[in-house]
Amino acid sequence: MSKLEYKEEKTIVLPKSILSELEINGLTSSLYVTDIGFYSRAKSHYRTRRNGCKQHILIYCIDGEGWLDISNKQQTLKKNEYVIISANTPHKYGSNNKNPWSIYWIHFSGLKSHLFINHPNQKIEINLASNSRFRDRILLFEEIYNNLEMGYSMDNLEYANICLWHMLGSFRYLSQFRKIKEYNQQDKIAKSIRLMQTSMNKKLSLEDLADHCGLSVSQYCLLFKKRTTRTPLDYLTHLKIQYASRLLDFSDLRINEIANKTGYSDPFYFSRVFSKIMGKSPKVYRNLKKG
């Protein structure tokens, strides 16, 4: 499968260290995201797992179609249909090359995650109706994704995974989810995080970040740590590695080029940082099958 065949895509794979935090957090241990993504018109998308996956997998088709083989049972998945594949269930699935699917997908786990699957391994159609709220469901997916994309503060992680309750509830109960909140442009910490996100190829200092917020370095660090539970530079490093992960997934750039795009002049140091956070080298990560 060529990465260039995906016309639009995004994915986040949470690092093992972050998953360990979610497993012991009282608000997230019952249900949490491990991987999340979207593929548009994903021609040649194909996955096979003989022993299944450790997590449950939600696949929500919004256009086109694909096929599923779950425990040797064949099914077709079309627009406005979804399936949740139970953990450890042998399966394979793929896109229809003549009419390739566009899918939102989430891998999820947790002590009570199985309770959100009322029709395991069966495709379910969401009928067109006044209360279908297709757009709201997509916005809720974006709420989860965007909060994770903003970085791994505990507030972001908890909120994203609380939203996961609503998103899975929107499938199980169809009407139980809320509207998302808009990003607050006046929030100083959110403002500095936006700067981080738009400056991935730069070496930002604490002074740069504090000045952007109109705060002293000491005020900024104290406020940032209070809001996110992480230091600004640790937060920035996680954002850079998240961005590097996307480049590894959806580009053919060499690792030294990706290092440069994330502000690391030394590709060997970049690889060490990446391996420490993601638990595997950039090369090994790039070859993983996701989704």
C-alpha atoms as a PDB file:
ATOM      1  CA  MET A   1       0.000   0.000   0.000  1.00  0.00           C
ATOM      2  CA  SER A   2       1.492   3.336  -1.012  1.00  0.00           C
ATOM      3  CA  LYS A   3       1.170   6.127   1.510  1.00  0.00           C
ATOM      4  CA  LEU A   4       0.422   8.460  -1.381  1.00  0.00           C
ATOM      5  CA  GLU A   5      -2.852   6.661  -2.119  1.00  0.00           C
ATOM      6  CA  TYR A   6      -4.450   8.304   0.948  1.00  0.00           C
ATOM      7  CA  LYS A   7      -5.923  11.643  -0.163  1.00  0.00           C
ATOM      8  CA  GLU A   8      -6.577  12.719   3.408  1.00  0.00           C
ATOM      9  CA  GLU A   9      -5.531  11.041   6.596  1.00  0.00           C
ATOM     10  CA  LYS A  10      -4.611  11.510  10.204  1.00  0.00           C
ATOM     11  CA  THR A  11      -3.692   9.174  13.003  1.00  0.00           C
ATOM     12  CA  ILE A  12      -2.433   9.248  16.574  1.00  0.00           C
ATOM     13  CA  VAL A  13      -0.907   6.264  18.372  1.00  0.00           C
ATOM     14  CA  LEU A  14      -0.601   6.952  22.096  1.00  0.00           C
ATOM     15  CA  PRO A  15       2.815   6.121  23.632  1.00  0.00           C
ATOM     16  CA  LYS A  16       3.040   3.222  26.084  1.00  0.00           C
ATOM     17  CA  SER A  17       3.953   5.586  28.914  1.00  0.00           C
ATOM     18  CA  ILE A  18       0.748   7.577  28.358  1.00  0.00           C
ATOM     19  CA  LEU A  19      -1.348   4.385  28.177  1.00  0.00           C
ATOM     20  CA  SER A  20       0.143   3.326  31.507  1.00  0.00           C
ATOM     21  CA  GLU A  21      -1.113   6.602  33.004  1.00  0.00           C
ATOM     22  CA  LEU A  22      -4.584   6.023  31.550  1.00  0.00           C
ATOM     23  CA  GLU A  23      -4.723   2.491  32.952  1.00  0.00           C
ATOM     24  CA  ILE A  24      -4.378   3.712  36.545  1.00  0.00           C
ATOM     25  CA  ASN A  25      -6.312   6.973  36.274  1.00  0.00           C
ATOM     26  CA  GLY A  26      -9.693   6.767  37.977  1.00  0.00           C
ATOM     27  CA  LEU A  27     -11.459   8.704  35.216  1.00  0.00           C
ATOM     28  CA  THR A  28      -9.960   6.814  32.276  1.00  0.00           C
ATOM     29  CA  SER A  29      -9.178   3.268  33.439  1.00  0.00           C
ATOM     30  CA  SER A  30     -12.637   2.025  32.458  1.00  0.00           C
ATOM     31  CA  LEU A  31     -12.427   3.252  28.850  1.00  0.00           C
ATOM     32  CA  TYR A  32      -9.640   4.926  26.892  1.00  0.00           C
ATOM     33  CA  VAL A  33      -8.326   5.471  23.365  1.00  0.00           C
ATOM     34  CA  THR A  34      -5.122   3.704  22.333  1.00  0.00           C
ATOM     35  CA  ASP A  35      -5.112   4.638  18.619  1.00  0.00           C
ATOM     36  CA  ILE A  36      -7.336   6.948  16.565  1.00  0.00           C
ATOM     37  CA  GLY A  37      -7.483   7.989  12.931  1.00  0.00           C
ATOM     38  CA  PHE A  38      -9.317   8.899   9.750  1.00  0.00           C
ATOM     39  CA  TYR A  39      -8.698   7.668   6.192  1.00  0.00           C
ATOM     40  CA  SER A  40     -10.393   9.289   3.192  1.00  0.00           C
ATOM     41  CA  ARG A  41     -10.998   7.320  -0.018  1.00  0.00           C
ATOM     42  CA  ALA A  42      -8.451   4.839   1.289  1.00  0.00           C
ATOM     43  CA  LYS A  43      -7.771   2.761  -1.781  1.00  0.00           C
ATOM     44  CA  SER A  44      -5.783  -0.423  -1.045  1.00  0.00           C
ATOM     45  CA  HIS A  45      -6.344  -0.106   2.723  1.00  0.00           C
ATOM     46  CA  TYR A  46      -6.050  -3.639   4.114  1.00  0.00           C
ATOM     47  CA  ARG A  47      -5.409  -5.162   7.522  1.00  0.00           C
ATOM     48  CA  THR A  48      -5.201  -8.772   8.690  1.00  0.00           C
ATOM     49  CA  ARG A  49      -4.726  -9.978  12.271  1.00  0.00           C
ATOM     50  CA  ARG A  50      -4.794 -13.749  12.697  1.00  0.00           C
ATOM     51  CA  ASN A  51      -4.962 -13.522  16.475  1.00  0.00           C
ATOM     52  CA  GLY A  52      -7.024 -10.358  16.609  1.00  0.00           C
ATOM     53  CA  CYS A  53      -6.032  -7.110  18.274  1.00  0.00           C
ATOM     54  CA  LYS A  54      -5.489  -6.451  21.984  1.00  0.00           C
ATOM     55  CA  GLN A  55      -7.985  -3.595  21.780  1.00  0.00           C
ATOM     56  CA  HIS A  56     -11.530  -3.323  20.482  1.00  0.00           C
ATOM     57  CA  ILE A  57     -11.716  -1.624  17.071  1.00  0.00           C
ATOM     58  CA  LEU A  58     -14.462   0.764  15.964  1.00  0.00           C
ATOM     59  CA  ILE A  59     -14.709   1.314  12.198  1.00  0.00           C
ATOM     60  CA  TYR A  60     -17.257   3.922  11.097  1.00  0.00           C
ATOM     61  CA  CYS A  61     -17.778   4.268   7.345  1.00  0.00           C
ATOM     62  CA  ILE A  62     -18.955   7.689   6.131  1.00  0.00           C
ATOM     63  CA  ASP A  63     -18.505   7.122   2.389  1.00  0.00           C
ATOM     64  CA  GLY A  64     -17.676   4.401  -0.113  1.00  0.00           C
ATOM     65  CA  GLU A  65     -17.486   0.815   1.063  1.00  0.00           C
ATOM     66  CA  GLY A  66     -15.219  -1.952   2.237  1.00  0.00           C
ATOM     67  CA  TRP A  67     -15.343  -5.525   3.416  1.00  0.00           C
ATOM     68  CA  LEU A  68     -14.882  -7.404   6.681  1.00  0.00           C
ATOM     69  CA  ASP A  69     -13.933 -10.978   7.491  1.00  0.00           C
ATOM     70  CA  ILE A  70     -14.423 -11.506  11.237  1.00  0.00           C
ATOM     71  CA  SER A  71     -13.951 -15.057  12.509  1.00  0.00           C
ATOM     72  CA  ASN A  72     -14.458 -16.247   8.900  1.00  0.00           C
ATOM     73  CA  LYS A  73     -17.756 -14.392   8.539  1.00  0.00           C
ATOM     74  CA  GLN A  74     -17.864 -12.111   5.479  1.00  0.00           C
ATOM     75  CA  GLN A  75     -19.606  -8.712   5.639  1.00  0.00           C
ATOM     76  CA  THR A  76     -19.728  -5.540   3.552  1.00  0.00           C
ATOM     77  CA  LEU A  77     -19.453  -2.161   5.256  1.00  0.00           C
ATOM     78  CA  LYS A  78     -21.027   0.830   3.501  1.00  0.00           C
ATOM     79  CA  LYS A  79     -21.784   4.495   4.130  1.00  0.00           C
ATOM     80  CA  ASN A  80     -23.461   5.198   7.499  1.00  0.00           C
ATOM     81  CA  GLU A  81     -22.592   1.740   8.806  1.00  0.00           C
ATOM     82  CA  TYR A  82     -20.200   0.785  11.582  1.00  0.00           C
ATOM     83  CA  VAL A  83     -18.737  -2.257  13.247  1.00  0.00           C
ATOM     84  CA  ILE A  84     -16.941  -2.830  16.537  1.00  0.00           C
ATOM     85  CA  ILE A  85     -14.524  -5.758  16.399  1.00  0.00           C
ATOM     86  CA  SER A  86     -14.018  -7.317  19.816  1.00  0.00           C
ATOM     87  CA  ALA A  87     -10.523  -7.625  21.227  1.00  0.00           C
ATOM     88  CA  ASN A  88      -8.641 -10.843  20.430  1.00  0.00           C
ATOM     89  CA  THR A  89     -11.041 -11.746  17.604  1.00  0.00           C
ATOM     90  CA  PRO A  90      -9.311 -12.939  14.404  1.00  0.00           C
ATOM     91  CA  HIS A  91     -10.160 -10.613  11.542  1.00  0.00           C
ATOM     92  CA  LYS A  92      -9.198  -8.937   8.325  1.00  0.00           C
ATOM     93  CA  TYR A  93     -10.731  -6.027   6.486  1.00  0.00           C
ATOM     94  CA  GLY A  94     -10.105  -3.765   3.557  1.00  0.00           C
ATOM     95  CA  SER A  95     -11.385  -1.068   1.266  1.00  0.00           C
ATOM     96  CA  ASN A  96     -13.272  -1.647  -1.981  1.00  0.00           C
ATOM     97  CA  ASN A  97     -10.795  -0.494  -4.621  1.00  0.00           C
ATOM     98  CA  LYS A  98     -13.529   0.591  -7.053  1.00  0.00           C
ATOM     99  CA  ASN A  99     -15.422   2.567  -4.416  1.00  0.00           C
ATOM    100  CA  PRO A 100     -12.898   2.986  -1.567  1.00  0.00           C
ATOM    101  CA  TRP A 101     -14.211   3.701   1.871  1.00  0.00           C
ATOM    102  CA  SER A 102     -13.691   6.751   4.033  1.00  0.00           C
ATOM    103  CA  ILE A 103     -13.556   5.665   7.653  1.00  0.00           C
ATOM    104  CA  TYR A 104     -13.115   6.975  11.144  1.00  0.00           C
ATOM    105  CA  TRP A 105     -11.494   4.369  13.368  1.00  0.00           C
ATOM    106  CA  ILE A 106     -10.641   4.077  17.037  1.00  0.00           C
ATOM    107  CA  HIS A 107      -8.839   1.363  18.969  1.00  0.00           C
ATOM    108  CA  PHE A 108     -10.026   1.410  22.566  1.00  0.00           C
ATOM    109  CA  SER A 109      -9.525  -0.547  25.765  1.00  0.00           C
ATOM    110  CA  GLY A 110     -10.261  -0.338  29.480  1.00  0.00           C
ATOM    111  CA  LEU A 111     -11.799  -2.320  32.324  1.00  0.00           C
ATOM    112  CA  LYS A 112     -15.372  -1.624  31.135  1.00  0.00           C
ATOM    113  CA  SER A 113     -14.727  -1.169  27.413  1.00  0.00           C
ATOM    114  CA  HIS A 114     -16.603  -4.364  26.536  1.00  0.00           C
ATOM    115  CA  LEU A 115     -19.824  -2.853  27.907  1.00  0.00           C
ATOM    116  CA  PHE A 116     -19.920  -0.398  25.012  1.00  0.00           C
ATOM    117  CA  ILE A 117     -20.276  -3.163  22.442  1.00  0.00           C
ATOM    118  CA  ASN A 118     -23.913  -4.200  22.173  1.00  0.00           C
ATOM    119  CA  HIS A 119     -23.505  -5.892  18.759  1.00  0.00           C
ATOM    120  CA  PRO A 120     -19.950  -7.246  18.695  1.00  0.00           C
ATOM    121  CA  ASN A 121     -18.460  -8.082  15.291  1.00  0.00           C
ATOM    122  CA  GLN A 122     -21.659  -7.180  13.431  1.00  0.00           C
ATOM    123  CA  LYS A 123     -22.096  -4.265  11.078  1.00  0.00           C
ATOM    124  CA  ILE A 124     -24.853  -1.893  12.154  1.00  0.00           C
ATOM    125  CA  GLU A 125     -26.615   0.615   9.907  1.00  0.00           C
ATOM    126  CA  ILE A 126     -27.472   4.078  11.204  1.00  0.00           C
ATOM    127  CA  ASN A 127     -30.730   4.927   9.483  1.00  0.00           C
ATOM    128  CA  LEU A 128     -31.333   8.373   8.060  1.00  0.00           C
ATOM    129  CA  ALA A 129     -33.576  10.247  10.483  1.00  0.00           C
ATOM    130  CA  SER A 130     -34.022  13.682  12.014  1.00  0.00           C
ATOM    131  CA  ASN A 131     -32.133  12.582  15.126  1.00  0.00           C
ATOM    132  CA  SER A 132     -29.259  10.788  13.368  1.00  0.00           C
ATOM    133  CA  ARG A 133     -26.901  13.735  14.020  1.00  0.00           C
ATOM    134  CA  PHE A 134     -24.172  12.471  11.688  1.00  0.00           C
ATOM    135  CA  ARG A 135     -22.317  15.790  11.770  1.00  0.00           C
ATOM    136  CA  ASP A 136     -22.393  15.945  15.574  1.00  0.00           C
ATOM    137  CA  ARG A 137     -20.817  12.513  15.771  1.00  0.00           C
ATOM    138  CA  ILE A 138     -17.997  13.603  13.462  1.00  0.00           C
ATOM    139  CA  LEU A 139     -17.497  16.727  15.562  1.00  0.00           C
ATOM    140  CA  LEU A 140     -17.217  14.538  18.624  1.00  0.00           C
ATOM    141  CA  PHE A 141     -14.543  12.438  16.918  1.00  0.00           C
ATOM    142  CA  GLU A 142     -12.724  15.670  16.112  1.00  0.00           C
ATOM    143  CA  GLU A 143     -13.070  16.718  19.750  1.00  0.00           C
ATOM    144  CA  ILE A 144     -11.291  13.543  20.832  1.00  0.00           C
ATOM    145  CA  TYR A 145      -8.636  13.800  18.141  1.00  0.00           C
ATOM    146  CA  ASN A 146      -7.961  17.525  18.551  1.00  0.00           C
ATOM    147  CA  ASN A 147      -7.554  17.251  22.319  1.00  0.00           C
ATOM    148  CA  LEU A 148      -5.052  14.428  21.898  1.00  0.00           C
ATOM    149  CA  GLU A 149      -3.323  16.422  19.171  1.00  0.00           C
ATOM    150  CA  MET A 150      -2.968  19.327  21.609  1.00  0.00           C
ATOM    151  CA  GLY A 151      -0.727  17.107  23.738  1.00  0.00           C
ATOM    152  CA  TYR A 152      -0.839  14.721  26.651  1.00  0.00           C
ATOM    153  CA  SER A 153      -1.763  16.894  29.593  1.00  0.00           C
ATOM    154  CA  MET A 154      -3.951  14.967  31.995  1.00  0.00           C
ATOM    155  CA  ASP A 155      -6.805  17.413  31.358  1.00  0.00           C
ATOM    156  CA  ASN A 156      -6.611  16.709  27.610  1.00  0.00           C
ATOM    157  CA  LEU A 157      -6.394  12.958  28.149  1.00  0.00           C
ATOM    158  CA  GLU A 158      -9.278  12.851  30.603  1.00  0.00           C
ATOM    159  CA  TYR A 159     -11.507  15.092  28.488  1.00  0.00           C
ATOM    160  CA  ALA A 160     -10.739  13.178  25.266  1.00  0.00           C
ATOM    161  CA  ASN A 161     -11.598   9.874  26.913  1.00  0.00           C
ATOM    162  CA  ILE A 162     -14.738  11.233  28.555  1.00  0.00           C
ATOM    163  CA  CYS A 163     -15.740  12.280  25.029  1.00  0.00           C
ATOM    164  CA  LEU A 164     -15.069   8.681  23.959  1.00  0.00           C
ATOM    165  CA  TRP A 165     -17.851   7.601  26.341  1.00  0.00           C
ATOM    166  CA  HIS A 166     -20.176   9.963  24.466  1.00  0.00           C
ATOM    167  CA  MET A 167     -19.011   8.890  21.023  1.00  0.00           C
ATOM    168  CA  LEU A 168     -19.434   5.176  21.703  1.00  0.00           C
ATOM    169  CA  GLY A 169     -22.711   6.006  23.437  1.00  0.00           C
ATOM    170  CA  SER A 170     -23.796   7.767  20.246  1.00  0.00           C
ATOM    171  CA  PHE A 171     -23.562   4.403  18.496  1.00  0.00           C
ATOM    172  CA  ARG A 172     -25.001   2.276  21.279  1.00  0.00           C
ATOM    173  CA  TYR A 173     -27.798   4.704  22.193  1.00  0.00           C
ATOM    174  CA  LEU A 174     -27.785   6.897  19.060  1.00  0.00           C
ATOM    175  CA  SER A 175     -28.876  10.155  20.749  1.00  0.00           C
ATOM    176  CA  GLN A 176     -26.610  10.464  23.789  1.00  0.00           C
ATOM    177  CA  PHE A 177     -23.860  12.885  23.070  1.00  0.00           C
ATOM    178  CA  ARG A 178     -23.328  16.614  23.492  1.00  0.00           C
ATOM    179  CA  LYS A 179     -22.090  19.518  21.450  1.00  0.00           C
ATOM    180  CA  ILE A 180     -18.404  20.340  21.643  1.00  0.00           C
ATOM    181  CA  LYS A 181     -16.997  23.468  23.230  1.00  0.00           C
ATOM    182  CA  GLU A 182     -15.157  26.006  21.114  1.00  0.00           C
ATOM    183  CA  TYR A 183     -11.516  26.712  21.556  1.00  0.00           C
ATOM    184  CA  ASN A 184     -10.973  29.776  23.787  1.00  0.00           C
ATOM    185  CA  GLN A 185      -8.720  32.201  21.923  1.00  0.00           C
ATOM    186  CA  GLN A 186      -7.998  34.175  25.140  1.00  0.00           C
ATOM    187  CA  ASP A 187      -6.542  31.226  27.048  1.00  0.00           C
ATOM    188  CA  LYS A 188      -2.817  31.982  27.502  1.00  0.00           C
ATOM    189  CA  ILE A 189      -1.735  28.364  27.883  1.00  0.00           C
ATOM    190  CA  ALA A 190      -3.811  27.260  24.887  1.00  0.00           C
ATOM    191  CA  LYS A 191      -2.271  30.175  22.985  1.00  0.00           C
ATOM    192  CA  SER A 192       1.248  28.936  23.766  1.00  0.00           C
ATOM    193  CA  ILE A 193       0.302  25.389  22.745  1.00  0.00           C
ATOM    194  CA  ARG A 194      -0.928  26.744  19.417  1.00  0.00           C
ATOM    195  CA  LEU A 195       2.482  28.356  18.970  1.00  0.00           C
ATOM    196  CA  MET A 196       4.129  25.008  19.674  1.00  0.00           C
ATOM    197  CA  GLN A 197       1.936  23.320  17.084  1.00  0.00           C
ATOM    198  CA  THR A 198       2.718  25.869  14.385  1.00  0.00           C
ATOM    199  CA  SER A 199       6.466  25.948  15.089  1.00  0.00           C
ATOM    200  CA  MET A 200       7.388  22.286  14.885  1.00  0.00           C
ATOM    201  CA  ASN A 201      10.541  22.962  12.854  1.00  0.00           C
ATOM    202  CA  LYS A 202      11.845  25.566  15.300  1.00  0.00           C
ATOM    203  CA  LYS A 203      13.722  25.364  18.575  1.00  0.00           C
ATOM    204  CA  LEU A 204      11.433  27.243  20.929  1.00  0.00           C
ATOM    205  CA  SER A 205      12.853  28.354  24.262  1.00  0.00           C
ATOM    206  CA  LEU A 206      10.986  28.974  27.482  1.00  0.00           C
ATOM    207  CA  GLU A 207      11.582  32.682  26.888  1.00  0.00           C
ATOM    208  CA  ASP A 208       9.928  32.445  23.442  1.00  0.00           C
ATOM    209  CA  LEU A 209       6.868  30.710  24.867  1.00  0.00           C
ATOM    210  CA  ALA A 210       6.543  33.012  27.876  1.00  0.00           C
ATOM    211  CA  ASP A 211       6.936  36.154  25.747  1.00  0.00           C
ATOM    212  CA  HIS A 212       4.213  34.918  23.401  1.00  0.00           C
ATOM    213  CA  CYS A 213       1.836  34.821  26.390  1.00  0.00           C
ATOM    214  CA  GLY A 214       2.990  38.116  27.903  1.00  0.00           C
ATOM    215  CA  LEU A 215       4.245  36.349  31.038  1.00  0.00           C
ATOM    216  CA  SER A 216       7.576  35.989  32.797  1.00  0.00           C
ATOM    217  CA  VAL A 217       9.282  32.606  32.469  1.00  0.00           C
ATOM    218  CA  SER A 218       8.557  31.741  36.104  1.00  0.00           C
ATOM    219  CA  GLN A 219       4.880  32.767  35.821  1.00  0.00           C
ATOM    220  CA  TYR A 220       4.488  30.877  32.549  1.00  0.00           C
ATOM    221  CA  CYS A 221       6.105  27.658  33.825  1.00  0.00           C
ATOM    222  CA  LEU A 222       4.044  27.703  37.004  1.00  0.00           C
ATOM    223  CA  LEU A 223       0.781  28.299  35.129  1.00  0.00           C
ATOM    224  CA  PHE A 224       1.585  25.743  32.432  1.00  0.00           C
ATOM    225  CA  LYS A 225       2.469  23.020  34.946  1.00  0.00           C
ATOM    226  CA  LYS A 226      -0.672  23.790  36.947  1.00  0.00           C
ATOM    227  CA  ARG A 227      -2.868  23.526  33.850  1.00  0.00           C
ATOM    228  CA  THR A 228      -1.267  20.536  32.122  1.00  0.00           C
ATOM    229  CA  THR A 229       0.677  18.692  34.876  1.00  0.00           C
ATOM    230  CA  ARG A 230       3.714  18.801  32.545  1.00  0.00           C
ATOM    231  CA  THR A 231       6.556  21.218  31.977  1.00  0.00           C
ATOM    232  CA  PRO A 232       6.352  23.301  28.780  1.00  0.00           C
ATOM    233  CA  LEU A 233       9.421  21.688  27.200  1.00  0.00           C
ATOM    234  CA  ASP A 234       8.237  18.155  28.009  1.00  0.00           C
ATOM    235  CA  TYR A 235       4.871  19.035  26.494  1.00  0.00           C
ATOM    236  CA  LEU A 236       6.569  20.450  23.396  1.00  0.00           C
ATOM    237  CA  THR A 237       8.679  17.317  23.004  1.00  0.00           C
ATOM    238  CA  HIS A 238       5.570  15.113  23.039  1.00  0.00           C
ATOM    239  CA  LEU A 239       3.927  17.322  20.408  1.00  0.00           C
ATOM    240  CA  LYS A 240       7.020  17.086  18.201  1.00  0.00           C
ATOM    241  CA  ILE A 241       7.089  13.293  18.480  1.00  0.00           C
ATOM    242  CA  GLN A 242       3.364  13.142  17.731  1.00  0.00           C
ATOM    243  CA  TYR A 243       3.989  15.223  14.589  1.00  0.00           C
ATOM    244  CA  ALA A 244       6.974  13.051  13.661  1.00  0.00           C
ATOM    245  CA  SER A 245       4.753   9.979  14.003  1.00  0.00           C
ATOM    246  CA  ARG A 246       2.310  11.421  11.464  1.00  0.00           C
ATOM    247  CA  LEU A 247       5.149  12.147   9.044  1.00  0.00           C
ATOM    248  CA  LEU A 248       6.387   8.581   9.434  1.00  0.00           C
ATOM    249  CA  ASP A 249       2.874   7.295   8.754  1.00  0.00           C
ATOM    250  CA  PHE A 250       1.901   9.486   5.831  1.00  0.00           C
ATOM    251  CA  SER A 251       5.034  10.622   4.043  1.00  0.00           C
ATOM    252  CA  ASP A 252       8.060   9.087   2.381  1.00  0.00           C
ATOM    253  CA  LEU A 253      10.450  11.522   4.051  1.00  0.00           C
ATOM    254  CA  ARG A 254      13.694  10.074   5.359  1.00  0.00           C
ATOM    255  CA  ILE A 255      14.189   9.992   9.113  1.00  0.00           C
ATOM    256  CA  ASN A 256      16.816  12.737   9.004  1.00  0.00           C
ATOM    257  CA  GLU A 257      14.352  14.923   7.059  1.00  0.00           C
ATOM    258  CA  ILE A 258      11.649  14.271   9.654  1.00  0.00           C
ATOM    259  CA  ALA A 259      14.130  15.126  12.398  1.00  0.00           C
ATOM    260  CA  ASN A 260      14.789  18.455  10.684  1.00  0.00           C
ATOM    261  CA  LYS A 261      11.067  19.177  10.298  1.00  0.00           C
ATOM    262  CA  THR A 262      10.602  18.675  14.029  1.00  0.00           C
ATOM    263  CA  GLY A 263      13.476  20.955  14.990  1.00  0.00           C
ATOM    264  CA  TYR A 264      16.161  18.321  15.642  1.00  0.00           C
ATOM    265  CA  SER A 265      19.445  19.022  13.853  1.00  0.00           C
ATOM    266  CA  ASP A 266      20.872  15.683  15.019  1.00  0.00           C
ATOM    267  CA  PRO A 267      18.879  12.724  13.611  1.00  0.00           C
ATOM    268  CA  PHE A 268      20.496  10.304  16.085  1.00  0.00           C
ATOM    269  CA  TYR A 269      19.358  12.399  19.026  1.00  0.00           C
ATOM    270  CA  PHE A 270      15.904  12.635  17.437  1.00  0.00           C
ATOM    271  CA  SER A 271      15.775   8.823  17.173  1.00  0.00           C
ATOM    272  CA  ARG A 272      16.733   8.460  20.847  1.00  0.00           C
ATOM    273  CA  VAL A 273      14.011  10.895  21.929  1.00  0.00           C
ATOM    274  CA  PHE A 274      11.446   9.192  19.662  1.00  0.00           C
ATOM    275  CA  SER A 275      12.354   5.732  20.996  1.00  0.00           C
ATOM    276  CA  LYS A 276      12.152   6.895  24.599  1.00  0.00           C
ATOM    277  CA  ILE A 277       8.649   8.332  24.156  1.00  0.00           C
ATOM    278  CA  MET A 278       7.106   5.835  21.733  1.00  0.00           C
ATOM    279  CA  GLY A 279       8.892   2.720  23.001  1.00  0.00           C
ATOM    280  CA  LYS A 280      10.220   1.866  19.537  1.00  0.00           C
ATOM    281  CA  SER A 281      12.552   3.399  16.981  1.00  0.00           C
ATOM    282  CA  PRO A 282      11.226   5.592  14.124  1.00  0.00           C
ATOM    283  CA  LYS A 283      12.028   2.818  11.647  1.00  0.00           C
ATOM    284  CA  VAL A 284      10.128   0.167  13.622  1.00  0.00           C
ATOM    285  CA  TYR A 285       7.210   2.561  14.190  1.00  0.00           C
ATOM    286  CA  ARG A 286       6.958   3.368  10.466  1.00  0.00           C
ATOM    287  CA  ASN A 287       6.540  -0.324   9.606  1.00  0.00           C
ATOM    288  CA  LEU A 288       3.702  -0.920  12.082  1.00  0.00           C
ATOM    289  CA  LYS A 289       0.252  -1.579  10.623  1.00  0.00           C
ATOM    290  CA  LYS A 290      -2.215   0.904  12.104  1.00  0.00           C
ATOM    291  CA  GLY A 291      -5.977   1.190  11.875  1.00  0.00           C
END
